[in-house]
Amino acid sequence: MQVVKYVFQPHGDERGQLVALEEFKDIPFEIKRVYYIYDTAPGVTRGYHAHKSLEQILICIHGSCKIRLDNGREKKIVPLEKPYEGLYVSNNMWREMFDFSEDAVLMVLASDYYREEDYIRDYEEFLRFVGEDGEEKR
């Protein structure tokens, strides 16, 4: 499984730092939705789903967390600890977000609007969807 982590260009001086993100330049898709997760209780794991077509970039803009990725064949854990790094999560990828620091804010840039029919929320259904080789099967 290839994990793609983007390092965004921070701009700053003695006043502080700024990171600007543009679709198709810094982000490999059109951004249709932005949301963020914060005040996550200790020990909580979020996610537990995959998307049939949606792509995402996850950025822990404050604090830290870990992302468990699973393509149906292999699993990887990716730490997010820097506000200028983003993790690309493709479609057909099971994701779980966990080990949130007390101050964590996880921002998600999504390639489409919320559509419940795009979610796969059952892990066994996900495995059937991607098939044994991890490629999409319908």
C-alpha atoms as a PDB file:
ATOM      1  CA  MET A   1       0.000   0.000   0.000  1.00  0.00           C
ATOM      2  CA  GLN A   2       1.383   3.368  -0.981  1.00  0.00           C
ATOM      3  CA  VAL A   3       0.833   6.091   1.603  1.00  0.00           C
ATOM      4  CA  VAL A   4       0.913   9.609   0.174  1.00  0.00           C
ATOM      5  CA  LYS A   5       1.739  12.376   2.614  1.00  0.00           C
ATOM      6  CA  TYR A   6       1.832  15.924   1.307  1.00  0.00           C
ATOM      7  CA  VAL A   7       4.104  18.517   2.876  1.00  0.00           C
ATOM      8  CA  PHE A   8       2.535  21.924   2.335  1.00  0.00           C
ATOM      9  CA  GLN A   9       4.628  25.075   2.117  1.00  0.00           C
ATOM     10  CA  PRO A  10       4.442  27.088   5.330  1.00  0.00           C
ATOM     11  CA  HIS A  11       4.994  30.835   5.017  1.00  0.00           C
ATOM     12  CA  GLY A  12       5.926  32.774   8.093  1.00  0.00           C
ATOM     13  CA  ASP A  13       8.010  35.194  10.011  1.00  0.00           C
ATOM     14  CA  GLU A  14       8.144  36.501  13.556  1.00  0.00           C
ATOM     15  CA  ARG A  15       4.357  37.074  13.421  1.00  0.00           C
ATOM     16  CA  GLY A  16       3.531  33.390  12.893  1.00  0.00           C
ATOM     17  CA  GLN A  17       2.901  30.810  10.180  1.00  0.00           C
ATOM     18  CA  LEU A  18       0.405  30.487   7.329  1.00  0.00           C
ATOM     19  CA  VAL A  19      -0.339  27.550   5.014  1.00  0.00           C
ATOM     20  CA  ALA A  20      -2.480  28.207   1.916  1.00  0.00           C
ATOM     21  CA  LEU A  21      -4.031  25.295   0.007  1.00  0.00           C
ATOM     22  CA  GLU A  22      -5.429  25.412  -3.517  1.00  0.00           C
ATOM     23  CA  GLU A  23      -7.375  22.694  -5.289  1.00  0.00           C
ATOM     24  CA  PHE A  24      -5.543  20.986  -8.172  1.00  0.00           C
ATOM     25  CA  LYS A  25      -2.333  22.718  -7.061  1.00  0.00           C
ATOM     26  CA  ASP A  26      -1.725  21.624  -3.463  1.00  0.00           C
ATOM     27  CA  ILE A  27      -4.757  19.308  -3.269  1.00  0.00           C
ATOM     28  CA  PRO A  28      -5.176  16.711  -6.065  1.00  0.00           C
ATOM     29  CA  PHE A  29      -8.935  17.209  -6.431  1.00  0.00           C
ATOM     30  CA  GLU A  30     -11.701  19.807  -6.379  1.00  0.00           C
ATOM     31  CA  ILE A  31     -12.601  20.592  -2.762  1.00  0.00           C
ATOM     32  CA  LYS A  32     -16.353  20.330  -2.225  1.00  0.00           C
ATOM     33  CA  ARG A  33     -16.502  19.938   1.553  1.00  0.00           C
ATOM     34  CA  VAL A  34     -14.359  20.834   4.552  1.00  0.00           C
ATOM     35  CA  TYR A  35     -14.993  19.635   8.078  1.00  0.00           C
ATOM     36  CA  TYR A  36     -12.993  19.190  11.250  1.00  0.00           C
ATOM     37  CA  ILE A  37     -12.997  16.957  14.316  1.00  0.00           C
ATOM     38  CA  TYR A  38     -12.050  18.277  17.750  1.00  0.00           C
ATOM     39  CA  ASP A  39     -12.667  17.653  21.481  1.00  0.00           C
ATOM     40  CA  THR A  40     -12.303  13.920  20.889  1.00  0.00           C
ATOM     41  CA  ALA A  41     -12.486  12.068  24.194  1.00  0.00           C
ATOM     42  CA  PRO A  42      -9.462  10.007  25.291  1.00  0.00           C
ATOM     43  CA  GLY A  43      -9.441   6.481  23.894  1.00  0.00           C
ATOM     44  CA  VAL A  44     -12.021   7.211  21.178  1.00  0.00           C
ATOM     45  CA  THR A  45     -11.561   5.890  17.644  1.00  0.00           C
ATOM     46  CA  ARG A  46     -13.429   7.617  14.825  1.00  0.00           C
ATOM     47  CA  GLY A  47     -14.068   6.705  11.220  1.00  0.00           C
ATOM     48  CA  TYR A  48     -14.708   2.977  10.803  1.00  0.00           C
ATOM     49  CA  HIS A  49     -15.708   3.414   7.173  1.00  0.00           C
ATOM     50  CA  ALA A  50     -14.569   3.626   3.563  1.00  0.00           C
ATOM     51  CA  HIS A  51     -15.859   5.582   0.580  1.00  0.00           C
ATOM     52  CA  LYS A  52     -16.737   4.202  -2.823  1.00  0.00           C
ATOM     53  CA  SER A  53     -15.622   7.311  -4.737  1.00  0.00           C
ATOM     54  CA  LEU A  54     -14.744  10.129  -2.297  1.00  0.00           C
ATOM     55  CA  GLU A  55     -11.117  11.243  -1.895  1.00  0.00           C
ATOM     56  CA  GLN A  56      -9.817  13.118   1.142  1.00  0.00           C
ATOM     57  CA  ILE A  57      -6.831  14.965   2.539  1.00  0.00           C
ATOM     58  CA  LEU A  58      -6.532  14.758   6.356  1.00  0.00           C
ATOM     59  CA  ILE A  59      -4.552  17.457   8.163  1.00  0.00           C
ATOM     60  CA  CYS A  60      -4.094  17.547  11.922  1.00  0.00           C
ATOM     61  CA  ILE A  61      -3.935  21.327  12.152  1.00  0.00           C
ATOM     62  CA  HIS A  62      -3.409  21.238  15.923  1.00  0.00           C
ATOM     63  CA  GLY A  63      -2.124  18.479  18.181  1.00  0.00           C
ATOM     64  CA  SER A  64      -1.696  14.962  16.847  1.00  0.00           C
ATOM     65  CA  CYS A  65      -3.536  11.780  15.946  1.00  0.00           C
ATOM     66  CA  LYS A  66      -2.982   8.541  14.069  1.00  0.00           C
ATOM     67  CA  ILE A  67      -4.747   7.178  11.005  1.00  0.00           C
ATOM     68  CA  ARG A  68      -5.116   3.445  10.365  1.00  0.00           C
ATOM     69  CA  LEU A  69      -5.483   2.762   6.628  1.00  0.00           C
ATOM     70  CA  ASP A  70      -6.627  -0.589   5.217  1.00  0.00           C
ATOM     71  CA  ASN A  71      -7.032  -1.395   1.516  1.00  0.00           C
ATOM     72  CA  GLY A  72      -8.319  -4.922   2.112  1.00  0.00           C
ATOM     73  CA  ARG A  73      -4.857  -6.511   1.750  1.00  0.00           C
ATOM     74  CA  GLU A  74      -2.635  -4.551   4.099  1.00  0.00           C
ATOM     75  CA  LYS A  75      -2.892  -2.045   6.925  1.00  0.00           C
ATOM     76  CA  LYS A  76      -0.696   0.902   7.822  1.00  0.00           C
ATOM     77  CA  ILE A  77      -0.726   3.399  10.673  1.00  0.00           C
ATOM     78  CA  VAL A  78       0.227   6.948   9.753  1.00  0.00           C
ATOM     79  CA  PRO A  79       0.876   9.592  12.423  1.00  0.00           C
ATOM     80  CA  LEU A  80      -0.276  13.148  11.759  1.00  0.00           C
ATOM     81  CA  GLU A  81       1.633  15.581  13.952  1.00  0.00           C
ATOM     82  CA  LYS A  82       2.405  18.676  11.885  1.00  0.00           C
ATOM     83  CA  PRO A  83      -0.070  21.324  10.667  1.00  0.00           C
ATOM     84  CA  TYR A  84       1.711  21.543   7.307  1.00  0.00           C
ATOM     85  CA  GLU A  85       1.379  17.810   6.466  1.00  0.00           C
ATOM     86  CA  GLY A  86      -1.626  16.223   4.842  1.00  0.00           C
ATOM     87  CA  LEU A  87      -2.466  12.555   4.332  1.00  0.00           C
ATOM     88  CA  TYR A  88      -4.154  11.615   1.056  1.00  0.00           C
ATOM     89  CA  VAL A  89      -6.846   8.957   1.545  1.00  0.00           C
ATOM     90  CA  SER A  90      -8.168   7.512  -1.693  1.00  0.00           C
ATOM     91  CA  ASN A  91     -11.527   5.922  -2.277  1.00  0.00           C
ATOM     92  CA  ASN A  92     -11.848   2.201  -1.453  1.00  0.00           C
ATOM     93  CA  MET A  93      -9.730   2.702   1.674  1.00  0.00           C
ATOM     94  CA  TRP A  94     -10.974   1.804   5.161  1.00  0.00           C
ATOM     95  CA  ARG A  95      -9.933   4.453   7.686  1.00  0.00           C
ATOM     96  CA  GLU A  96      -9.881   4.761  11.453  1.00  0.00           C
ATOM     97  CA  MET A  97      -8.669   7.847  13.295  1.00  0.00           C
ATOM     98  CA  PHE A  98      -7.387   7.319  16.846  1.00  0.00           C
ATOM     99  CA  ASP A  99      -4.903   8.324  19.544  1.00  0.00           C
ATOM    100  CA  PHE A 100      -6.016  11.956  19.434  1.00  0.00           C
ATOM    101  CA  SER A 101      -4.045  14.311  21.656  1.00  0.00           C
ATOM    102  CA  GLU A 102      -6.200  16.356  24.004  1.00  0.00           C
ATOM    103  CA  ASP A 103      -5.781  19.444  21.811  1.00  0.00           C
ATOM    104  CA  ALA A 104      -6.138  17.711  18.411  1.00  0.00           C
ATOM    105  CA  VAL A 105      -8.040  19.330  15.576  1.00  0.00           C
ATOM    106  CA  LEU A 106      -8.260  17.098  12.499  1.00  0.00           C
ATOM    107  CA  MET A 107      -9.361  18.933   9.347  1.00  0.00           C
ATOM    108  CA  VAL A 108     -10.633  16.971   6.350  1.00  0.00           C
ATOM    109  CA  LEU A 109     -10.807  18.237   2.763  1.00  0.00           C
ATOM    110  CA  ALA A 110     -13.208  16.135   0.692  1.00  0.00           C
ATOM    111  CA  SER A 111     -13.701  15.768  -3.052  1.00  0.00           C
ATOM    112  CA  ASP A 112     -17.491  15.601  -2.861  1.00  0.00           C
ATOM    113  CA  TYR A 113     -20.484  16.679  -0.822  1.00  0.00           C
ATOM    114  CA  TYR A 114     -21.826  14.389   1.895  1.00  0.00           C
ATOM    115  CA  ARG A 115     -23.651  11.464   0.281  1.00  0.00           C
ATOM    116  CA  GLU A 116     -24.580   8.595   2.577  1.00  0.00           C
ATOM    117  CA  GLU A 117     -24.734   6.180  -0.384  1.00  0.00           C
ATOM    118  CA  ASP A 118     -20.960   6.660  -0.900  1.00  0.00           C
ATOM    119  CA  TYR A 119     -20.130   5.271   2.569  1.00  0.00           C
ATOM    120  CA  ILE A 120     -19.280   1.660   3.380  1.00  0.00           C
ATOM    121  CA  ARG A 121     -19.741   1.392   7.135  1.00  0.00           C
ATOM    122  CA  ASP A 122     -19.493  -2.385   7.540  1.00  0.00           C
ATOM    123  CA  TYR A 123     -15.989  -3.869   7.375  1.00  0.00           C
ATOM    124  CA  GLU A 124     -17.111  -7.195   5.874  1.00  0.00           C
ATOM    125  CA  GLU A 125     -19.041  -5.318   3.189  1.00  0.00           C
ATOM    126  CA  PHE A 126     -15.893  -3.277   2.507  1.00  0.00           C
ATOM    127  CA  LEU A 127     -13.833  -6.448   2.033  1.00  0.00           C
ATOM    128  CA  ARG A 128     -16.432  -7.797  -0.422  1.00  0.00           C
ATOM    129  CA  PHE A 129     -16.473  -4.438  -2.245  1.00  0.00           C
ATOM    130  CA  VAL A 130     -12.722  -4.314  -2.799  1.00  0.00           C
ATOM    131  CA  GLY A 131     -12.336  -8.072  -3.339  1.00  0.00           C
ATOM    132  CA  GLU A 132      -9.419 -10.226  -2.317  1.00  0.00           C
ATOM    133  CA  ASP A 133      -6.860  -8.253  -4.333  1.00  0.00           C
ATOM    134  CA  GLY A 134      -7.888  -4.904  -2.806  1.00  0.00           C
ATOM    135  CA  GLU A 135      -9.284  -3.632  -6.118  1.00  0.00           C
ATOM    136  CA  GLU A 136     -12.847  -2.425  -6.404  1.00  0.00           C
ATOM    137  CA  LYS A 137     -15.423  -5.096  -7.295  1.00  0.00           C
ATOM    138  CA  ARG A 138     -19.074  -4.238  -7.861  1.00  0.00           C
END
